[in-house]
Structure formats: C-alpha cells, structure tokens
Amino acid sequence: MKSSIATIFFASLVLLFSCSGPKENDNSSSSLPILGNKYVNEFEIEGKIVKDTVYHKIAEFSFINQEGKEVNNATVEGKVYVADFFFTTCPTICPIMKTQMLRVYEKFKHEPNFMILSHTLDPEHDTPELLKDYAAKIGVEDDKTWNFLSGDQEKIFEIGQTSYLTTAMSDKNEPGGILHSGAFVLVDQQGRIRGVYDGTKEEQVNRLMKDIPKLLK
C-alpha cells in the first residue's frame, strides 16, 4: 500500500511539472516552474502595501560527504544542483538511478556552478568511507561536483520528505527495508525546486539535462 502511495505522489509531482513545464523552444530560466507551496507576504512601506511572494525553499541542512567534509547550504549557495535519495545496497531502482545520474555528471562535471547531492537513506551502513569507494567504482573522480552524503537517518528522511518533497522512509516490507522514489530534484541558486524528474527513465533525464543550462545562464 505504501509503495502505491509513494508511486502516486511521485507521479503527481512529475505530472505537475510536465503540465506547467517549459515550452519546447523557451530556454530561459523563467520557463521552469517554481514548485512547492508558496504564500504572499504583505507589508507596508511608506504607507503603501507591498506584496511579496515567498516560495518553498530547501531547509537548512548539514551532512558529511564521501571525503569526510561537511556539506551544507553554504556549499550549494549560488549553485544549481540536482538532489536524489538512494542507498548502496538498494536492490531495485538505485542502480538504474545511478546509471542515469552518471549521464548528468559526465555532461556537467566541468561546470563550476553545478553540483549533485546524493543522500544515502542507510547511513549506518553507508559510511563516508564506503561512499568514497562506491563513488570511485561508478567513476566519480572527486567531490567537486558529485557529493555522496551521509548523516543522521531521521534528518535525511525529514529533508527528503519536507524539503525535496519526495518519498524517503523506513519500511520493513520494502526491498532493503527502505521506501523511496526515484526522483531527481532540480534546485536553483536560491534553493527553490524548479523541476522533478523520474531518475529511472532516460527520457525524463534527457529533459533534466536540457533544463539545467536554463538555470546556469
């Protein structure tokens, strides 16, 4: 039942982006939607009511990468990045996700204002040392672009669900004991979600790779 709910939730996010997404020939950043809840903040300046739209943003975080370095909001400040959630012993979608994310990495690894944050959902097993070996095995040269993050499991679950709006939780009935989606979440320089893509589908990742340069301009 939980798998079905997670699938429906993820599919609805992808559908939302698809329906309100970029026009085929529009390469501007404004062509990408800003996803998540928003509200209008009203305040008075010199007797005039001013309205300001406040968008959903990624909350503060602090995790440790495969080199044992702290990675936090300051690390990605002013950068475009893609986030996902996985674990190294995942027997289902994770190998497909990493194959697809490698395509993203190879295309943008020399772009100084782009990063990838892959959060392990099993930090007890996936230590920084193990993640470093894992990164090397799949062909990731260093942590300049692609960071594999470990930390407190509950905090990783929380930021996945409340900030990146994806599925990330323990579930003993799931393969590997963890329930998660295959979402690749595109985040802009201001920490706002600009796209959600199915990281298990090549055509979705192709669209992600077309959208990233729109934010890098």
C-alpha atoms as a PDB file:
ATOM      1  CA  MET A   1       0.000   0.000   0.000  1.00  0.00           C
ATOM      2  CA  LYS A   2       2.793   2.415   0.910  1.00  0.00           C
ATOM      3  CA  SER A   3       4.542   1.668  -2.386  1.00  0.00           C
ATOM      4  CA  SER A   4       1.373   2.581  -4.264  1.00  0.00           C
ATOM      5  CA  ILE A   5       1.001   5.835  -2.336  1.00  0.00           C
ATOM      6  CA  ALA A   6       4.641   6.741  -2.968  1.00  0.00           C
ATOM      7  CA  THR A   7       4.279   5.981  -6.666  1.00  0.00           C
ATOM      8  CA  ILE A   8       1.133   8.094  -6.957  1.00  0.00           C
ATOM      9  CA  PHE A   9       2.712  11.008  -5.051  1.00  0.00           C
ATOM     10  CA  PHE A  10       5.862  10.958  -7.179  1.00  0.00           C
ATOM     11  CA  ALA A  11       3.884  10.603 -10.403  1.00  0.00           C
ATOM     12  CA  SER A  12       1.737  13.595  -9.443  1.00  0.00           C
ATOM     13  CA  LEU A  13       4.838  15.755  -8.949  1.00  0.00           C
ATOM     14  CA  VAL A  14       6.253  14.709 -12.308  1.00  0.00           C
ATOM     15  CA  LEU A  15       2.866  15.328 -13.945  1.00  0.00           C
ATOM     16  CA  LEU A  16       2.616  18.750 -12.303  1.00  0.00           C
ATOM     17  CA  PHE A  17       5.969  19.721 -13.728  1.00  0.00           C
ATOM     18  CA  SER A  18       5.135  18.256 -17.132  1.00  0.00           C
ATOM     19  CA  CYS A  19       1.874  20.182 -17.348  1.00  0.00           C
ATOM     20  CA  SER A  20       3.325  23.505 -16.251  1.00  0.00           C
ATOM     21  CA  GLY A  21       6.818  22.921 -17.559  1.00  0.00           C
ATOM     22  CA  PRO A  22       8.924  24.698 -20.142  1.00  0.00           C
ATOM     23  CA  LYS A  23       7.841  25.472 -23.645  1.00  0.00           C
ATOM     24  CA  GLU A  24       9.812  23.486 -26.188  1.00  0.00           C
ATOM     25  CA  ASN A  25      11.754  26.449 -27.593  1.00  0.00           C
ATOM     26  CA  ASP A  26      11.985  28.542 -24.419  1.00  0.00           C
ATOM     27  CA  ASN A  27      15.496  28.336 -22.984  1.00  0.00           C
ATOM     28  CA  SER A  28      15.073  30.936 -20.241  1.00  0.00           C
ATOM     29  CA  SER A  29      15.041  30.122 -16.535  1.00  0.00           C
ATOM     30  CA  SER A  30      11.600  31.708 -16.268  1.00  0.00           C
ATOM     31  CA  SER A  31      10.253  28.872 -18.418  1.00  0.00           C
ATOM     32  CA  LEU A  32      10.731  26.499 -15.477  1.00  0.00           C
ATOM     33  CA  PRO A  33       8.082  26.478 -12.731  1.00  0.00           C
ATOM     34  CA  ILE A  34       8.837  27.074  -9.062  1.00  0.00           C
ATOM     35  CA  LEU A  35       7.415  24.028  -7.288  1.00  0.00           C
ATOM     36  CA  GLY A  36       6.085  23.635  -3.759  1.00  0.00           C
ATOM     37  CA  ASN A  37       3.821  25.712  -1.568  1.00  0.00           C
ATOM     38  CA  LYS A  38       4.025  29.494  -1.682  1.00  0.00           C
ATOM     39  CA  TYR A  39       2.361  32.374   0.093  1.00  0.00           C
ATOM     40  CA  VAL A  40       2.066  36.126  -0.339  1.00  0.00           C
ATOM     41  CA  ASN A  41       3.587  38.248   2.403  1.00  0.00           C
ATOM     42  CA  GLU A  42       2.102  41.736   2.737  1.00  0.00           C
ATOM     43  CA  PHE A  43       3.909  44.591   4.464  1.00  0.00           C
ATOM     44  CA  GLU A  44       3.744  48.369   4.485  1.00  0.00           C
ATOM     45  CA  ILE A  45       6.421  50.692   3.125  1.00  0.00           C
ATOM     46  CA  GLU A  46       5.867  54.450   3.369  1.00  0.00           C
ATOM     47  CA  GLY A  47       2.135  53.976   3.658  1.00  0.00           C
ATOM     48  CA  LYS A  48       1.883  51.598   0.716  1.00  0.00           C
ATOM     49  CA  ILE A  49       1.023  47.908   0.922  1.00  0.00           C
ATOM     50  CA  VAL A  50       3.675  45.813  -0.806  1.00  0.00           C
ATOM     51  CA  LYS A  51       3.129  42.159  -1.673  1.00  0.00           C
ATOM     52  CA  ASP A  52       5.993  39.691  -1.863  1.00  0.00           C
ATOM     53  CA  THR A  53       5.625  36.064  -2.936  1.00  0.00           C
ATOM     54  CA  VAL A  54       7.532  33.677  -0.679  1.00  0.00           C
ATOM     55  CA  TYR A  55       8.370  30.358  -2.334  1.00  0.00           C
ATOM     56  CA  HIS A  56       9.150  26.948  -0.864  1.00  0.00           C
ATOM     57  CA  LYS A  57      12.895  26.536  -0.304  1.00  0.00           C
ATOM     58  CA  ILE A  58      15.208  23.762   0.820  1.00  0.00           C
ATOM     59  CA  ALA A  59      15.616  23.909   4.608  1.00  0.00           C
ATOM     60  CA  GLU A  60      18.956  24.209   6.381  1.00  0.00           C
ATOM     61  CA  PHE A  61      20.985  21.002   6.343  1.00  0.00           C
ATOM     62  CA  SER A  62      24.394  19.657   7.256  1.00  0.00           C
ATOM     63  CA  PHE A  63      25.698  16.262   6.144  1.00  0.00           C
ATOM     64  CA  ILE A  64      29.088  14.603   5.570  1.00  0.00           C
ATOM     65  CA  ASN A  65      30.296  13.678   2.093  1.00  0.00           C
ATOM     66  CA  GLN A  66      32.461  10.829   0.817  1.00  0.00           C
ATOM     67  CA  GLU A  67      35.626  12.776   1.647  1.00  0.00           C
ATOM     68  CA  GLY A  68      34.566  13.365   5.249  1.00  0.00           C
ATOM     69  CA  LYS A  69      33.794  17.036   4.576  1.00  0.00           C
ATOM     70  CA  GLU A  70      30.735  18.907   5.799  1.00  0.00           C
ATOM     71  CA  VAL A  71      28.243  19.798   3.066  1.00  0.00           C
ATOM     72  CA  ASN A  72      25.566  22.342   3.924  1.00  0.00           C
ATOM     73  CA  ASN A  73      23.509  25.130   2.401  1.00  0.00           C
ATOM     74  CA  ALA A  74      26.583  27.309   2.040  1.00  0.00           C
ATOM     75  CA  THR A  75      28.190  24.611  -0.131  1.00  0.00           C
ATOM     76  CA  VAL A  76      25.471  24.964  -2.765  1.00  0.00           C
ATOM     77  CA  GLU A  77      24.782  28.674  -2.297  1.00  0.00           C
ATOM     78  CA  GLY A  78      24.599  30.342  -5.698  1.00  0.00           C
ATOM     79  CA  LYS A  79      24.785  26.987  -7.485  1.00  0.00           C
ATOM     80  CA  VAL A  80      22.350  24.853  -9.449  1.00  0.00           C
ATOM     81  CA  TYR A  81      22.152  21.295  -8.166  1.00  0.00           C
ATOM     82  CA  VAL A  82      20.317  18.009  -8.522  1.00  0.00           C
ATOM     83  CA  ALA A  83      19.376  16.009  -5.412  1.00  0.00           C
ATOM     84  CA  ASP A  84      18.349  12.392  -5.072  1.00  0.00           C
ATOM     85  CA  PHE A  85      17.992   9.709  -2.386  1.00  0.00           C
ATOM     86  CA  PHE A  86      19.400   6.181  -2.576  1.00  0.00           C
ATOM     87  CA  PHE A  87      21.363   3.548  -0.640  1.00  0.00           C
ATOM     88  CA  THR A  88      24.222   1.409  -1.865  1.00  0.00           C
ATOM     89  CA  THR A  89      22.584  -1.938  -1.100  1.00  0.00           C
ATOM     90  CA  CYS A  90      19.292  -0.985  -2.771  1.00  0.00           C
ATOM     91  CA  PRO A  91      18.212  -3.996  -4.857  1.00  0.00           C
ATOM     92  CA  THR A  92      15.623  -2.233  -7.016  1.00  0.00           C
ATOM     93  CA  ILE A  93      15.756   1.232  -8.615  1.00  0.00           C
ATOM     94  CA  CYS A  94      19.035   2.647  -7.277  1.00  0.00           C
ATOM     95  CA  PRO A  95      21.360   1.034  -9.855  1.00  0.00           C
ATOM     96  CA  ILE A  96      19.192   2.478 -12.633  1.00  0.00           C
ATOM     97  CA  MET A  97      19.172   5.883 -10.947  1.00  0.00           C
ATOM     98  CA  LYS A  98      22.946   5.955 -10.633  1.00  0.00           C
ATOM     99  CA  THR A  99      23.395   4.953 -14.284  1.00  0.00           C
ATOM    100  CA  GLN A 100      21.184   7.873 -15.273  1.00  0.00           C
ATOM    101  CA  MET A 101      22.813  10.303 -12.824  1.00  0.00           C
ATOM    102  CA  LEU A 102      26.204   9.388 -14.282  1.00  0.00           C
ATOM    103  CA  ARG A 103      24.954  10.797 -17.582  1.00  0.00           C
ATOM    104  CA  VAL A 104      24.170  14.078 -15.825  1.00  0.00           C
ATOM    105  CA  TYR A 105      27.550  14.036 -14.084  1.00  0.00           C
ATOM    106  CA  GLU A 106      29.515  13.411 -17.272  1.00  0.00           C
ATOM    107  CA  LYS A 107      27.764  16.257 -19.053  1.00  0.00           C
ATOM    108  CA  PHE A 108      28.125  18.881 -16.320  1.00  0.00           C
ATOM    109  CA  LYS A 109      31.131  17.802 -14.223  1.00  0.00           C
ATOM    110  CA  HIS A 110      33.261  20.666 -15.528  1.00  0.00           C
ATOM    111  CA  GLU A 111      30.581  23.284 -14.830  1.00  0.00           C
ATOM    112  CA  PRO A 112      31.763  25.165 -11.695  1.00  0.00           C
ATOM    113  CA  ASN A 113      28.275  26.307 -10.726  1.00  0.00           C
ATOM    114  CA  PHE A 114      26.663  22.870 -10.789  1.00  0.00           C
ATOM    115  CA  MET A 115      26.579  20.089  -8.185  1.00  0.00           C
ATOM    116  CA  ILE A 116      24.885  16.775  -7.419  1.00  0.00           C
ATOM    117  CA  LEU A 117      23.847  15.773  -3.889  1.00  0.00           C
ATOM    118  CA  SER A 118      23.052  12.074  -3.452  1.00  0.00           C
ATOM    119  CA  HIS A 119      21.753  11.339   0.052  1.00  0.00           C
ATOM    120  CA  THR A 120      22.085   7.817   1.420  1.00  0.00           C
ATOM    121  CA  LEU A 121      18.996   6.555   3.213  1.00  0.00           C
ATOM    122  CA  ASP A 122      21.058   3.938   5.067  1.00  0.00           C
ATOM    123  CA  PRO A 123      23.812   5.968   6.748  1.00  0.00           C
ATOM    124  CA  GLU A 124      24.579   3.263   9.319  1.00  0.00           C
ATOM    125  CA  HIS A 125      25.855   1.063   6.501  1.00  0.00           C
ATOM    126  CA  ASP A 126      26.822   3.752   4.006  1.00  0.00           C
ATOM    127  CA  THR A 127      29.634   5.459   5.890  1.00  0.00           C
ATOM    128  CA  PRO A 128      31.694   8.201   4.213  1.00  0.00           C
ATOM    129  CA  GLU A 129      34.473   5.657   3.634  1.00  0.00           C
ATOM    130  CA  LEU A 130      32.098   3.223   1.949  1.00  0.00           C
ATOM    131  CA  LEU A 131      30.542   6.016  -0.114  1.00  0.00           C
ATOM    132  CA  LYS A 132      34.010   7.049  -1.296  1.00  0.00           C
ATOM    133  CA  ASP A 133      34.655   3.516  -2.542  1.00  0.00           C
ATOM    134  CA  TYR A 134      31.205   3.416  -4.114  1.00  0.00           C
ATOM    135  CA  ALA A 135      31.806   6.728  -5.899  1.00  0.00           C
ATOM    136  CA  ALA A 136      35.138   5.518  -7.256  1.00  0.00           C
ATOM    137  CA  LYS A 137      33.620   2.278  -8.524  1.00  0.00           C
ATOM    138  CA  ILE A 138      30.987   4.085 -10.581  1.00  0.00           C
ATOM    139  CA  GLY A 139      33.521   6.546 -11.991  1.00  0.00           C
ATOM    140  CA  VAL A 140      33.176   9.678  -9.866  1.00  0.00           C
ATOM    141  CA  GLU A 141      36.605  11.277  -9.686  1.00  0.00           C
ATOM    142  CA  ASP A 142      36.219  13.583  -6.667  1.00  0.00           C
ATOM    143  CA  ASP A 143      33.716  15.616  -4.675  1.00  0.00           C
ATOM    144  CA  LYS A 144      33.930  18.823  -6.696  1.00  0.00           C
ATOM    145  CA  THR A 145      30.670  18.094  -8.498  1.00  0.00           C
ATOM    146  CA  TRP A 146      29.052  14.947  -7.097  1.00  0.00           C
ATOM    147  CA  ASN A 147      28.717  14.608  -3.336  1.00  0.00           C
ATOM    148  CA  PHE A 148      27.513  11.388  -1.711  1.00  0.00           C
ATOM    149  CA  LEU A 149      26.057  12.410   1.641  1.00  0.00           C
ATOM    150  CA  SER A 150      25.690  10.547   4.926  1.00  0.00           C
ATOM    151  CA  GLY A 151      24.380  11.703   8.296  1.00  0.00           C
ATOM    152  CA  ASP A 152      21.555  11.220  10.764  1.00  0.00           C
ATOM    153  CA  GLN A 153      18.965   8.989   9.104  1.00  0.00           C
ATOM    154  CA  GLU A 154      15.943  10.792  10.533  1.00  0.00           C
ATOM    155  CA  LYS A 155      17.263  14.145   9.330  1.00  0.00           C
ATOM    156  CA  ILE A 156      17.813  12.689   5.862  1.00  0.00           C
ATOM    157  CA  PHE A 157      14.272  11.292   5.844  1.00  0.00           C
ATOM    158  CA  GLU A 158      12.920  14.648   7.029  1.00  0.00           C
ATOM    159  CA  ILE A 159      14.663  16.790   4.445  1.00  0.00           C
ATOM    160  CA  GLY A 160      13.683  14.342   1.726  1.00  0.00           C
ATOM    161  CA  GLN A 161      10.019  14.489   2.625  1.00  0.00           C
ATOM    162  CA  THR A 162       9.582  18.113   3.716  1.00  0.00           C
ATOM    163  CA  SER A 163      12.140  19.990   1.610  1.00  0.00           C
ATOM    164  CA  TYR A 164      12.667  17.948  -1.543  1.00  0.00           C
ATOM    165  CA  LEU A 165       9.041  16.753  -1.459  1.00  0.00           C
ATOM    166  CA  THR A 166       9.981  13.165  -2.223  1.00  0.00           C
ATOM    167  CA  THR A 167       9.416   9.790  -0.568  1.00  0.00           C
ATOM    168  CA  ALA A 168      12.080   8.681   1.924  1.00  0.00           C
ATOM    169  CA  MET A 169      11.274   6.455   4.903  1.00  0.00           C
ATOM    170  CA  SER A 170      11.910   3.137   6.610  1.00  0.00           C
ATOM    171  CA  ASP A 171       9.566   0.305   5.640  1.00  0.00           C
ATOM    172  CA  LYS A 172      10.353  -3.273   6.616  1.00  0.00           C
ATOM    173  CA  ASN A 173       8.013  -4.521   3.892  1.00  0.00           C
ATOM    174  CA  GLU A 174      10.091  -2.910   1.136  1.00  0.00           C
ATOM    175  CA  PRO A 175      13.176  -4.476  -0.504  1.00  0.00           C
ATOM    176  CA  GLY A 176      16.136  -3.321   1.557  1.00  0.00           C
ATOM    177  CA  GLY A 177      13.819  -2.049   4.302  1.00  0.00           C
ATOM    178  CA  ILE A 178      13.538   1.457   2.848  1.00  0.00           C
ATOM    179  CA  LEU A 179      10.826   3.097   0.761  1.00  0.00           C
ATOM    180  CA  HIS A 180      11.912   5.862  -1.598  1.00  0.00           C
ATOM    181  CA  SER A 181      11.169   7.294  -5.008  1.00  0.00           C
ATOM    182  CA  GLY A 182      13.482   7.665  -7.975  1.00  0.00           C
ATOM    183  CA  ALA A 183      13.081  11.439  -8.112  1.00  0.00           C
ATOM    184  CA  PHE A 184      15.847  13.696  -9.388  1.00  0.00           C
ATOM    185  CA  VAL A 185      15.081  17.132  -7.937  1.00  0.00           C
ATOM    186  CA  LEU A 186      16.431  20.220  -9.720  1.00  0.00           C
ATOM    187  CA  VAL A 187      17.196  23.120  -7.365  1.00  0.00           C
ATOM    188  CA  ASP A 188      18.136  26.653  -8.399  1.00  0.00           C
ATOM    189  CA  GLN A 189      20.655  29.133  -6.985  1.00  0.00           C
ATOM    190  CA  GLN A 190      18.096  30.357  -4.450  1.00  0.00           C
ATOM    191  CA  GLY A 191      17.275  26.920  -3.071  1.00  0.00           C
ATOM    192  CA  ARG A 192      13.946  26.615  -4.904  1.00  0.00           C
ATOM    193  CA  ILE A 193      12.733  23.454  -6.637  1.00  0.00           C
ATOM    194  CA  ARG A 194      12.484  24.029 -10.383  1.00  0.00           C
ATOM    195  CA  GLY A 195      11.793  20.505 -11.597  1.00  0.00           C
ATOM    196  CA  VAL A 196      11.169  16.907 -10.548  1.00  0.00           C
ATOM    197  CA  TYR A 197      12.186  14.095 -12.904  1.00  0.00           C
ATOM    198  CA  ASP A 198      11.933  10.312 -12.804  1.00  0.00           C
ATOM    199  CA  GLY A 199      15.540   9.195 -12.468  1.00  0.00           C
ATOM    200  CA  THR A 200      14.694   5.714 -13.719  1.00  0.00           C
ATOM    201  CA  LYS A 201      13.534   6.926 -17.139  1.00  0.00           C
ATOM    202  CA  GLU A 202      16.006   8.029 -19.803  1.00  0.00           C
ATOM    203  CA  GLU A 203      13.608  10.467 -21.470  1.00  0.00           C
ATOM    204  CA  GLN A 204      12.962  12.232 -18.146  1.00  0.00           C
ATOM    205  CA  VAL A 205      16.691  12.565 -17.502  1.00  0.00           C
ATOM    206  CA  ASN A 206      17.165  13.871 -21.045  1.00  0.00           C
ATOM    207  CA  ARG A 207      14.719  16.648 -20.184  1.00  0.00           C
ATOM    208  CA  LEU A 208      16.564  17.341 -16.935  1.00  0.00           C
ATOM    209  CA  MET A 209      19.800  17.782 -18.887  1.00  0.00           C
ATOM    210  CA  LYS A 210      18.060  20.247 -21.188  1.00  0.00           C
ATOM    211  CA  ASP A 211      16.672  22.204 -18.238  1.00  0.00           C
ATOM    212  CA  ILE A 212      19.881  22.534 -16.205  1.00  0.00           C
ATOM    213  CA  PRO A 213      21.521  25.002 -18.646  1.00  0.00           C
ATOM    214  CA  LYS A 214      18.449  27.245 -18.425  1.00  0.00           C
ATOM    215  CA  LEU A 215      19.300  27.891 -14.786  1.00  0.00           C
ATOM    216  CA  LEU A 216      23.047  28.157 -15.344  1.00  0.00           C
ATOM    217  CA  LYS A 217      22.700  31.117 -17.690  1.00  0.00           C
END
